[in-house]
C-alpha atoms as a PDB file:
ATOM      1  CA  MET A   1      50.905 -27.591   8.535  1.00  0.00           C
ATOM      2  CA  ASN A   2      50.507 -25.287   5.551  1.00  0.00           C
ATOM      3  CA  LYS A   3      48.385 -27.955   3.858  1.00  0.00           C
ATOM      4  CA  LEU A   4      46.072 -28.143   6.861  1.00  0.00           C
ATOM      5  CA  LYS A   5      45.835 -24.346   6.923  1.00  0.00           C
ATOM      6  CA  LYS A   6      44.886 -24.261   3.262  1.00  0.00           C
ATOM      7  CA  LEU A   7      42.264 -26.954   3.804  1.00  0.00           C
ATOM      8  CA  PHE A   8      40.835 -24.978   6.724  1.00  0.00           C
ATOM      9  CA  ILE A   9      40.663 -21.785   4.678  1.00  0.00           C
ATOM     10  CA  SER A  10      38.990 -23.645   1.818  1.00  0.00           C
ATOM     11  CA  ALA A  11      36.451 -25.161   4.178  1.00  0.00           C
ATOM     12  CA  VAL A  12      35.637 -21.746   5.635  1.00  0.00           C
ATOM     13  CA  ALA A  13      35.240 -20.293   2.131  1.00  0.00           C
ATOM     14  CA  ILE A  14      32.861 -23.080   1.157  1.00  0.00           C
ATOM     15  CA  LEU A  15      30.879 -22.597   4.364  1.00  0.00           C
ATOM     16  CA  LEU A  16      30.559 -18.861   3.732  1.00  0.00           C
ATOM     17  CA  SER A  17      29.421 -19.544   0.186  1.00  0.00           C
ATOM     18  CA  LEU A  18      26.734 -21.899   1.441  1.00  0.00           C
ATOM     19  CA  ILE A  19      25.611 -19.290   3.957  1.00  0.00           C
ATOM     20  CA  CYS A  20      25.313 -16.764   1.141  1.00  0.00           C
ATOM     21  CA  VAL A  21      23.188 -19.186  -0.857  1.00  0.00           C
ATOM     22  CA  PHE A  22      20.925 -20.440   1.914  1.00  0.00           C
ATOM     23  CA  GLY A  23      21.106 -17.609   4.423  1.00  0.00           C
ATOM     24  CA  LEU A  24      20.272 -14.402   2.624  1.00  0.00           C
ATOM     25  CA  THR A  25      21.100 -12.129   5.538  1.00  0.00           C
ATOM     26  CA  ALA A  26      24.740 -13.117   5.310  1.00  0.00           C
ATOM     27  CA  CYS A  27      24.937 -11.662   1.799  1.00  0.00           C
ATOM     28  CA  GLY A  28      23.445  -8.344   2.785  1.00  0.00           C
ATOM     29  CA  GLU A  29      19.813  -9.291   2.186  1.00  0.00           C
ATOM     30  CA  ASP A  30      17.290  -9.185   4.996  1.00  0.00           C
ATOM     31  CA  ILE A  31      13.868 -10.479   3.972  1.00  0.00           C
ATOM     32  CA  ASP A  32      10.748 -11.020   6.076  1.00  0.00           C
ATOM     33  CA  GLU A  33       8.093 -13.402   4.796  1.00  0.00           C
ATOM     34  CA  VAL A  34       4.476 -12.418   5.448  1.00  0.00           C
ATOM     35  CA  ASP A  35       1.250 -14.381   5.029  1.00  0.00           C
ATOM     36  CA  ILE A  36      -1.762 -12.113   4.545  1.00  0.00           C
ATOM     37  CA  LYS A  37      -5.225 -13.628   4.860  1.00  0.00           C
ATOM     38  CA  VAL A  38      -7.573 -12.015   2.357  1.00  0.00           C
ATOM     39  CA  ALA A  39     -11.374 -12.354   2.313  1.00  0.00           C
ATOM     40  CA  LEU A  40     -13.039 -11.805  -1.081  1.00  0.00           C
ATOM     41  CA  TYR A  41     -16.718 -12.124  -1.828  1.00  0.00           C
ATOM     42  CA  ASN A  42     -17.570 -14.422  -4.707  1.00  0.00           C
ATOM     43  CA  PHE A  43     -20.607 -12.845  -6.367  1.00  0.00           C
ATOM     44  CA  GLU A  44     -21.274 -15.909  -8.508  1.00  0.00           C
ATOM     45  CA  ASP A  45     -21.424 -18.343  -5.605  1.00  0.00           C
ATOM     46  CA  GLU A  46     -22.621 -15.697  -3.128  1.00  0.00           C
ATOM     47  CA  GLU A  47     -20.063 -16.650  -0.519  1.00  0.00           C
ATOM     48  CA  VAL A  48     -16.760 -15.417   0.895  1.00  0.00           C
ATOM     49  CA  ASP A  49     -13.597 -17.042  -0.424  1.00  0.00           C
ATOM     50  CA  ASN A  50     -10.452 -16.924   1.704  1.00  0.00           C
ATOM     51  CA  TYR A  51      -6.961 -16.617   0.246  1.00  0.00           C
ATOM     52  CA  THR A  52      -3.392 -16.374   1.484  1.00  0.00           C
ATOM     53  CA  PHE A  53      -1.307 -13.625  -0.107  1.00  0.00           C
ATOM     54  CA  GLU A  54       2.389 -14.380   0.369  1.00  0.00           C
ATOM     55  CA  ILE A  55       4.738 -11.410   0.233  1.00  0.00           C
ATOM     56  CA  GLU A  56       8.348 -10.626   1.155  1.00  0.00           C
ATOM     57  CA  LEU A  57       9.486  -7.456   2.912  1.00  0.00           C
ATOM     58  CA  TYR A  58      12.905  -6.208   1.753  1.00  0.00           C
ATOM     59  CA  ARG A  59      14.464  -4.688   4.850  1.00  0.00           C
ATOM     60  CA  HIS A  60      17.934  -4.398   3.310  1.00  0.00           C
ATOM     61  CA  LEU A  61      16.564  -1.985   0.693  1.00  0.00           C
ATOM     62  CA  ALA A  62      14.169   0.028   2.842  1.00  0.00           C
ATOM     63  CA  PRO A  63      14.971  -0.661   6.511  1.00  0.00           C
ATOM     64  CA  LYS A  64      12.997   2.173   8.109  1.00  0.00           C
ATOM     65  CA  THR A  65       9.926   1.495   6.009  1.00  0.00           C
ATOM     66  CA  VAL A  66      10.008  -2.265   6.511  1.00  0.00           C
ATOM     67  CA  ASP A  67      10.622  -1.976  10.253  1.00  0.00           C
ATOM     68  CA  ALA A  68       7.538   0.221  10.514  1.00  0.00           C
ATOM     69  CA  ILE A  69       5.378  -1.951   8.241  1.00  0.00           C
ATOM     70  CA  ALA A  70       6.396  -5.145  10.060  1.00  0.00           C
ATOM     71  CA  LYS A  71       5.543  -3.515  13.374  1.00  0.00           C
ATOM     72  CA  TYR A  72       2.115  -2.486  12.091  1.00  0.00           C
ATOM     73  CA  LEU A  73       1.462  -5.944  10.674  1.00  0.00           C
ATOM     74  CA  LYS A  74       2.319  -7.630  13.965  1.00  0.00           C
ATOM     75  CA  ALA A  75       0.060  -5.212  15.837  1.00  0.00           C
ATOM     76  CA  GLY A  76      -2.912  -6.026  13.579  1.00  0.00           C
ATOM     77  CA  TYR A  77      -3.023  -2.558  12.017  1.00  0.00           C
ATOM     78  CA  TYR A  78      -4.145  -3.895   8.631  1.00  0.00           C
ATOM     79  CA  ASN A  79      -6.753  -6.331   9.939  1.00  0.00           C
ATOM     80  CA  GLY A  80     -10.073  -5.284   8.435  1.00  0.00           C
ATOM     81  CA  ALA A  81      -8.504  -2.825   5.998  1.00  0.00           C
ATOM     82  CA  VAL A  82     -10.505  -2.391   2.798  1.00  0.00           C
ATOM     83  CA  PHE A  83      -9.097  -2.984  -0.685  1.00  0.00           C
ATOM     84  CA  TYR A  84     -10.105  -0.153  -2.984  1.00  0.00           C
ATOM     85  CA  ARG A  85      -9.146   1.506  -6.233  1.00  0.00           C
ATOM     86  CA  HIS A  86      -8.498   5.208  -6.572  1.00  0.00           C
ATOM     87  CA  ALA A  87     -10.553   6.383  -9.555  1.00  0.00           C
ATOM     88  CA  LYS A  88      -7.597   8.475 -10.755  1.00  0.00           C
ATOM     89  CA  TYR A  89      -5.070   5.650 -10.418  1.00  0.00           C
ATOM     90  CA  LYS A  90      -6.831   2.601 -11.811  1.00  0.00           C
ATOM     91  CA  ASN A  91      -3.582   0.814 -12.551  1.00  0.00           C
ATOM     92  CA  GLN A  92      -3.121  -0.049  -8.883  1.00  0.00           C
ATOM     93  CA  ILE A  93      -5.052  -1.357  -5.885  1.00  0.00           C
ATOM     94  CA  MET A  94      -4.805   0.358  -2.498  1.00  0.00           C
ATOM     95  CA  ILE A  95      -4.935  -0.990   1.038  1.00  0.00           C
ATOM     96  CA  GLY A  96      -4.278   0.291   4.528  1.00  0.00           C
ATOM     97  CA  ASP A  97      -5.945   3.626   5.216  1.00  0.00           C
ATOM     98  CA  ILE A  98      -9.646   2.967   4.570  1.00  0.00           C
ATOM     99  CA  MET A  99     -11.690   0.999   7.123  1.00  0.00           C
ATOM    100  CA  TYR A 100     -15.386   0.153   7.271  1.00  0.00           C
ATOM    101  CA  ASN A 101     -17.981  -0.419   9.956  1.00  0.00           C
ATOM    102  CA  PRO A 102     -21.603  -0.667   8.753  1.00  0.00           C
ATOM    103  CA  ALA A 103     -22.802   0.270  12.242  1.00  0.00           C
ATOM    104  CA  LEU A 104     -21.408   3.795  11.891  1.00  0.00           C
ATOM    105  CA  ASN A 105     -24.003   6.411  11.006  1.00  0.00           C
ATOM    106  CA  GLU A 106     -21.587   8.864   9.419  1.00  0.00           C
ATOM    107  CA  ASN A 107     -19.560   8.709   6.209  1.00  0.00           C
ATOM    108  CA  GLU A 108     -21.433   5.707   4.804  1.00  0.00           C
ATOM    109  CA  GLY A 109     -19.683   3.574   7.421  1.00  0.00           C
ATOM    110  CA  PHE A 110     -16.183   4.389   6.202  1.00  0.00           C
ATOM    111  CA  TYR A 111     -13.481   5.852   8.401  1.00  0.00           C
ATOM    112  CA  LEU A 112      -9.738   6.390   8.315  1.00  0.00           C
ATOM    113  CA  ASN A 113      -7.330   3.969   9.926  1.00  0.00           C
ATOM    114  CA  ASP A 114      -5.093   5.434  12.631  1.00  0.00           C
ATOM    115  CA  LYS A 115      -2.611   7.870  11.113  1.00  0.00           C
ATOM    116  CA  LYS A 116       0.936   6.620  11.449  1.00  0.00           C
ATOM    117  CA  PRO A 117       4.040   8.850  11.451  1.00  0.00           C
ATOM    118  CA  ASN A 118       5.413   9.852   8.072  1.00  0.00           C
ATOM    119  CA  LEU A 119       8.434   7.858   6.935  1.00  0.00           C
ATOM    120  CA  GLU A 120      11.581   8.968   5.195  1.00  0.00           C
ATOM    121  CA  GLY A 121      11.323   8.407   1.443  1.00  0.00           C
ATOM    122  CA  GLU A 122      13.579   5.415   0.891  1.00  0.00           C
ATOM    123  CA  PHE A 123      14.016   5.601  -2.868  1.00  0.00           C
ATOM    124  CA  LYS A 124      16.595   6.975  -5.270  1.00  0.00           C
ATOM    125  CA  ASN A 125      15.264  10.512  -5.598  1.00  0.00           C
ATOM    126  CA  GLY A 126      14.663  10.576  -1.848  1.00  0.00           C
ATOM    127  CA  GLY A 127      18.350   9.935  -1.274  1.00  0.00           C
ATOM    128  CA  THR A 128      18.376   6.162  -0.685  1.00  0.00           C
ATOM    129  CA  VAL A 129      20.478   4.493  -3.359  1.00  0.00           C
ATOM    130  CA  GLY A 130      19.758   0.903  -2.330  1.00  0.00           C
ATOM    131  CA  SER A 131      15.977   1.031  -2.758  1.00  0.00           C
ATOM    132  CA  ASN A 132      16.050   0.153  -6.442  1.00  0.00           C
ATOM    133  CA  LEU A 133      12.968  -2.042  -6.831  1.00  0.00           C
ATOM    134  CA  LYS A 134      10.607  -1.044  -9.620  1.00  0.00           C
ATOM    135  CA  ALA A 135       6.885  -0.297  -9.434  1.00  0.00           C
ATOM    136  CA  GLU A 136       5.680  -3.277 -11.411  1.00  0.00           C
ATOM    137  CA  LYS A 137       3.429  -6.287 -11.163  1.00  0.00           C
ATOM    138  CA  GLY A 138       4.835  -8.374  -8.350  1.00  0.00           C
ATOM    139  CA  SER A 139       5.785  -5.398  -6.185  1.00  0.00           C
ATOM    140  CA  ILE A 140       4.197  -3.455  -3.333  1.00  0.00           C
ATOM    141  CA  GLY A 141       4.964   0.173  -2.614  1.00  0.00           C
ATOM    142  CA  LEU A 142       4.341   2.734   0.085  1.00  0.00           C
ATOM    143  CA  TRP A 143       1.817   5.315  -1.089  1.00  0.00           C
ATOM    144  CA  ARG A 144       2.646   8.957  -0.611  1.00  0.00           C
ATOM    145  CA  THR A 145       1.317  12.265  -1.838  1.00  0.00           C
ATOM    146  CA  TRP A 146       2.368  15.245  -3.855  1.00  0.00           C
ATOM    147  CA  MET A 147       2.385  18.847  -2.772  1.00  0.00           C
ATOM    148  CA  ALA A 148       0.285  21.316  -4.732  1.00  0.00           C
ATOM    149  CA  GLN A 149       3.370  22.313  -6.716  1.00  0.00           C
ATOM    150  CA  ASP A 150       1.586  23.355  -9.892  1.00  0.00           C
ATOM    151  CA  SER A 151      -1.553  22.652 -11.869  1.00  0.00           C
ATOM    152  CA  ASN A 152      -0.166  19.250 -12.926  1.00  0.00           C
ATOM    153  CA  TYR A 153       0.808  18.226  -9.379  1.00  0.00           C
ATOM    154  CA  ASN A 154       4.252  17.160 -10.545  1.00  0.00           C
ATOM    155  CA  GLN A 155       6.637  15.194  -8.369  1.00  0.00           C
ATOM    156  CA  GLY A 156       7.633  17.501  -5.528  1.00  0.00           C
ATOM    157  CA  SER A 157      10.437  16.764  -3.088  1.00  0.00           C
ATOM    158  CA  THR A 158       8.352  18.031  -0.175  1.00  0.00           C
ATOM    159  CA  GLY A 159       6.032  15.073  -0.748  1.00  0.00           C
ATOM    160  CA  PHE A 160       8.808  12.468  -0.699  1.00  0.00           C
ATOM    161  CA  ASN A 161       8.482  11.849   3.039  1.00  0.00           C
ATOM    162  CA  THR A 162       4.694  11.671   3.265  1.00  0.00           C
ATOM    163  CA  GLY A 163       4.277   7.900   3.073  1.00  0.00           C
ATOM    164  CA  SER A 164       3.131   6.309   6.324  1.00  0.00           C
ATOM    165  CA  ALA A 165       1.280   2.978   6.143  1.00  0.00           C
ATOM    166  CA  THR A 166      -0.870   2.779   2.987  1.00  0.00           C
ATOM    167  CA  TRP A 167       0.223   0.356   0.268  1.00  0.00           C
ATOM    168  CA  PHE A 168      -0.278   0.426  -3.471  1.00  0.00           C
ATOM    169  CA  ILE A 169      -0.170  -2.788  -5.506  1.00  0.00           C
ATOM    170  CA  PRO A 170       0.503  -2.199  -9.228  1.00  0.00           C
ATOM    171  CA  ASN A 171      -1.407  -4.328 -11.704  1.00  0.00           C
ATOM    172  CA  TYR A 172       1.327  -3.700 -14.262  1.00  0.00           C
ATOM    173  CA  ASP A 173       4.486  -1.631 -14.659  1.00  0.00           C
ATOM    174  CA  ILE A 174       4.143   1.998 -13.581  1.00  0.00           C
ATOM    175  CA  THR A 175       7.414   3.414 -14.873  1.00  0.00           C
ATOM    176  CA  THR A 176       6.669   6.977 -13.754  1.00  0.00           C
ATOM    177  CA  TYR A 177       6.860   5.797 -10.128  1.00  0.00           C
ATOM    178  CA  ASN A 178      10.335   4.334 -10.460  1.00  0.00           C
ATOM    179  CA  ASP A 179      12.839   6.090  -8.163  1.00  0.00           C
ATOM    180  CA  TYR A 180      10.021   8.256  -6.757  1.00  0.00           C
ATOM    181  CA  PHE A 181       8.192   5.756  -4.538  1.00  0.00           C
ATOM    182  CA  CYS A 182       9.445   3.297  -1.958  1.00  0.00           C
ATOM    183  CA  ILE A 183       8.939  -0.268  -3.191  1.00  0.00           C
ATOM    184  CA  PHE A 184       9.410  -2.199   0.027  1.00  0.00           C
ATOM    185  CA  ALA A 185       7.973  -5.632  -0.792  1.00  0.00           C
ATOM    186  CA  LYS A 186       7.615  -8.178  -3.557  1.00  0.00           C
ATOM    187  CA  TYR A 187       5.547 -11.275  -4.252  1.00  0.00           C
ATOM    188  CA  ASP A 188       5.463 -13.961  -6.894  1.00  0.00           C
ATOM    189  CA  PRO A 189       2.479 -13.159  -9.159  1.00  0.00           C
ATOM    190  CA  GLU A 190       2.677 -16.635 -10.696  1.00  0.00           C
ATOM    191  CA  ALA A 191       2.553 -18.535  -7.402  1.00  0.00           C
ATOM    192  CA  SER A 192      -0.752 -20.414  -7.340  1.00  0.00           C
ATOM    193  CA  GLY A 193      -2.219 -18.802  -4.205  1.00  0.00           C
ATOM    194  CA  ASN A 194      -1.147 -15.284  -5.132  1.00  0.00           C
ATOM    195  CA  LYS A 195      -2.364 -15.639  -8.709  1.00  0.00           C
ATOM    196  CA  LYS A 196      -5.815 -16.860  -7.680  1.00  0.00           C
ATOM    197  CA  MET A 197      -6.183 -14.107  -5.091  1.00  0.00           C
ATOM    198  CA  LEU A 198      -5.140 -11.351  -7.491  1.00  0.00           C
ATOM    199  CA  GLU A 199      -7.407 -12.637 -10.248  1.00  0.00           C
ATOM    200  CA  ALA A 200     -10.366 -12.725  -7.856  1.00  0.00           C
ATOM    201  CA  LEU A 201      -9.503  -9.295  -6.440  1.00  0.00           C
ATOM    202  CA  ASN A 202      -9.130  -7.618  -9.820  1.00  0.00           C
ATOM    203  CA  LYS A 203     -12.357  -9.223 -11.004  1.00  0.00           C
ATOM    204  CA  LEU A 204     -14.184  -7.187  -8.367  1.00  0.00           C
ATOM    205  CA  PHE A 205     -13.120  -4.014 -10.195  1.00  0.00           C
ATOM    206  CA  THR A 206     -14.269  -5.118 -13.643  1.00  0.00           C
ATOM    207  CA  SER A 207     -17.900  -4.119 -13.221  1.00  0.00           C
ATOM    208  CA  ASP A 208     -19.783  -1.558 -11.157  1.00  0.00           C
ATOM    209  CA  VAL A 209     -22.082  -4.435 -10.206  1.00  0.00           C
ATOM    210  CA  TYR A 210     -19.318  -5.484  -7.847  1.00  0.00           C
ATOM    211  CA  TYR A 211     -18.208  -2.114  -6.502  1.00  0.00           C
ATOM    212  CA  GLN A 212     -19.649   1.157  -5.275  1.00  0.00           C
ATOM    213  CA  THR A 213     -18.161   4.555  -6.032  1.00  0.00           C
ATOM    214  CA  TYR A 214     -17.667   7.029  -3.191  1.00  0.00           C
ATOM    215  CA  THR A 215     -16.243  10.519  -2.960  1.00  0.00           C
ATOM    216  CA  ILE A 216     -13.875  11.354  -0.134  1.00  0.00           C
ATOM    217  CA  TYR A 217     -13.408  14.995   0.736  1.00  0.00           C
ATOM    218  CA  TYR A 218     -12.313  17.179   3.624  1.00  0.00           C
ATOM    219  CA  THR A 219     -13.509  20.329   5.332  1.00  0.00           C
ATOM    220  CA  GLY A 220     -11.865  22.614   7.840  1.00  0.00           C
ATOM    221  CA  GLU A 221      -8.681  24.656   8.012  1.00  0.00           C
ATOM    222  CA  TYR A 222      -5.511  23.143   6.596  1.00  0.00           C
ATOM    223  CA  GLY A 223      -2.745  22.789   9.182  1.00  0.00           C
ATOM    224  CA  GLU A 224       0.648  21.135   9.027  1.00  0.00           C
ATOM    225  CA  ASN A 225       0.390  17.908   6.981  1.00  0.00           C
ATOM    226  CA  GLY A 226      -3.379  18.317   6.821  1.00  0.00           C
ATOM    227  CA  GLU A 227      -4.040  18.551  10.534  1.00  0.00           C
ATOM    228  CA  GLY A 228      -7.264  20.416  11.155  1.00  0.00           C
ATOM    229  CA  LEU A 229      -9.141  18.834   8.267  1.00  0.00           C
ATOM    230  CA  THR A 230     -12.181  16.591   8.765  1.00  0.00           C
ATOM    231  CA  PHE A 231     -12.748  13.412   6.742  1.00  0.00           C
ATOM    232  CA  HIS A 232     -16.014  12.931   4.834  1.00  0.00           C
ATOM    233  CA  CYS A 233     -17.228  10.111   2.588  1.00  0.00           C
ATOM    234  CA  VAL A 234     -20.443  10.041   0.547  1.00  0.00           C
ATOM    235  CA  LYS A 235     -21.769   8.139  -2.416  1.00  0.00           C
ATOM    236  CA  SER A 236     -20.496   9.994  -5.465  1.00  0.00           C
ATOM    237  CA  GLU A 237     -24.017  10.560  -6.710  1.00  0.00           C
ATOM    238  CA  ASP A 238     -24.700  12.537  -3.513  1.00  0.00           C
ATOM    239  CA  PHE A 239     -21.515  14.611  -3.584  1.00  0.00           C
ATOM    240  CA  ASN A 240     -22.024  18.373  -3.896  1.00  0.00           C
ATOM    241  CA  GLU A 241     -18.887  19.681  -5.545  1.00  0.00           C
ATOM    242  CA  ASN A 242     -20.144  23.250  -5.210  1.00  0.00           C
ATOM    243  CA  ASP A 243     -20.038  23.180  -1.424  1.00  0.00           C
ATOM    244  CA  GLU A 244     -17.820  26.121  -0.486  1.00  0.00           C
ATOM    245  CA  ASN A 245     -16.598  24.351   2.648  1.00  0.00           C
ATOM    246  CA  ILE A 246     -14.752  21.639   0.709  1.00  0.00           C
ATOM    247  CA  PHE A 247     -10.992  21.946   1.035  1.00  0.00           C
ATOM    248  CA  LYS A 248      -8.817  22.194  -2.076  1.00  0.00           C
ATOM    249  CA  ALA A 249      -5.047  22.545  -1.959  1.00  0.00           C
ATOM    250  CA  GLU A 250      -3.751  25.841  -3.245  1.00  0.00           C
ATOM    251  CA  GLU A 251      -1.569  25.623  -6.322  1.00  0.00           C
ATOM    252  CA  ASN A 252       2.108  26.476  -5.915  1.00  0.00           C
ATOM    253  CA  SER A 253       1.854  25.921  -2.174  1.00  0.00           C
ATOM    254  CA  SER A 254       3.095  23.340   0.318  1.00  0.00           C
ATOM    255  CA  GLN A 255      -0.403  21.954   0.845  1.00  0.00           C
ATOM    256  CA  TYR A 256      -0.931  18.312  -0.081  1.00  0.00           C
ATOM    257  CA  VAL A 257      -3.325  17.380  -2.864  1.00  0.00           C
ATOM    258  CA  CYS A 258      -4.249  14.091  -1.172  1.00  0.00           C
ATOM    259  CA  TYR A 259      -6.800  16.135   0.776  1.00  0.00           C
ATOM    260  CA  ASN A 260      -8.560  17.261  -2.382  1.00  0.00           C
ATOM    261  CA  ALA A 261     -11.864  15.536  -3.175  1.00  0.00           C
ATOM    262  CA  TYR A 262     -11.362  12.229  -4.979  1.00  0.00           C
ATOM    263  CA  GLU A 263     -13.335   9.132  -5.892  1.00  0.00           C
ATOM    264  CA  ILE A 264     -12.677   5.597  -4.741  1.00  0.00           C
ATOM    265  CA  GLN A 265     -14.197   2.338  -5.921  1.00  0.00           C
ATOM    266  CA  VAL A 266     -14.905  -0.189  -3.168  1.00  0.00           C
ATOM    267  CA  PRO A 267     -16.097  -3.761  -3.804  1.00  0.00           C
ATOM    268  CA  MET A 268     -19.343  -4.194  -1.855  1.00  0.00           C
ATOM    269  CA  THR A 269     -22.296  -6.551  -1.722  1.00  0.00           C
ATOM    270  CA  SER A 270     -25.841  -5.362  -2.267  1.00  0.00           C
ATOM    271  CA  ASP A 271     -26.543  -5.556   1.462  1.00  0.00           C
ATOM    272  CA  GLY A 272     -23.678  -3.235   2.355  1.00  0.00           C
ATOM    273  CA  GLN A 273     -20.908  -5.701   3.203  1.00  0.00           C
ATOM    274  CA  ILE A 274     -17.322  -5.134   2.162  1.00  0.00           C
ATOM    275  CA  ALA A 275     -16.348  -7.602  -0.554  1.00  0.00           C
ATOM    276  CA  ALA A 276     -12.551  -7.292  -0.307  1.00  0.00           C
ATOM    277  CA  SER A 277     -10.554  -6.900   2.872  1.00  0.00           C
ATOM    278  CA  ILE A 278      -7.611  -8.193   4.895  1.00  0.00           C
ATOM    279  CA  SER A 279      -8.635 -10.638   7.607  1.00  0.00           C
ATOM    280  CA  SER A 280      -5.269 -10.983   9.309  1.00  0.00           C
ATOM    281  CA  ALA A 281      -1.543 -11.005   8.653  1.00  0.00           C
ATOM    282  CA  LYS A 282       1.373 -12.953  10.061  1.00  0.00           C
ATOM    283  CA  VAL A 283       5.045 -12.075   9.844  1.00  0.00           C
ATOM    284  CA  LYS A 284       6.923 -15.387   9.803  1.00  0.00           C
END
């Protein structure tokens, strides 16, 4: 009887080991696979190339963030979102908050995606020990802002919980972000489909022949988390920085510097079509 008991226990142990190997959730990991369809304009061939960007959402490290992102993906929130590069942060590509409709008469056709609720900062300095992924090539993080803490806009704890739905995709290691930003997803940069997509996407930012530079700024009275401010977007060459109505966060205040005027670079064709955007996304 004891021999049968031992054999049963051994069999159970082996089964649990196999579950840990082949079923990640049993070992404490909860990963969602996502296929993102990306449309990129090929300026050499003058046609749109379609790619599939395969990423993994790490719920076990950032459950609140991933639950929200997965919900937005399933609802089509990112469909049509424009890839762009922040002129101040050229080591990363952004996606999620900027949309485009050439039929709009205001703001050069650009507008903001629906604002989603702010999420708790799931990273070490935000109090979440398990979110230990690094901001490096092969990772995707949730963008957030800084408060106007001082003239250098240093990391401020009041900005830790300002991420909502915008992603940043590092082109290489950004060590200053580690433990200060929520890295909620990863992808294999050497996988054939991902590699081709990223090479084509980054190529669009290598020359101003492929992208246009715009200045985003806000006017109005600053309310809680920027409520009360109005979005504006113009070609940078037309931006009047001396306009007294332009909002600028006060130093040493709780106002967020993301509402200060800043430049973005957006891949666009000569006839005003967006050259890099998300077509659709599917959570497997």
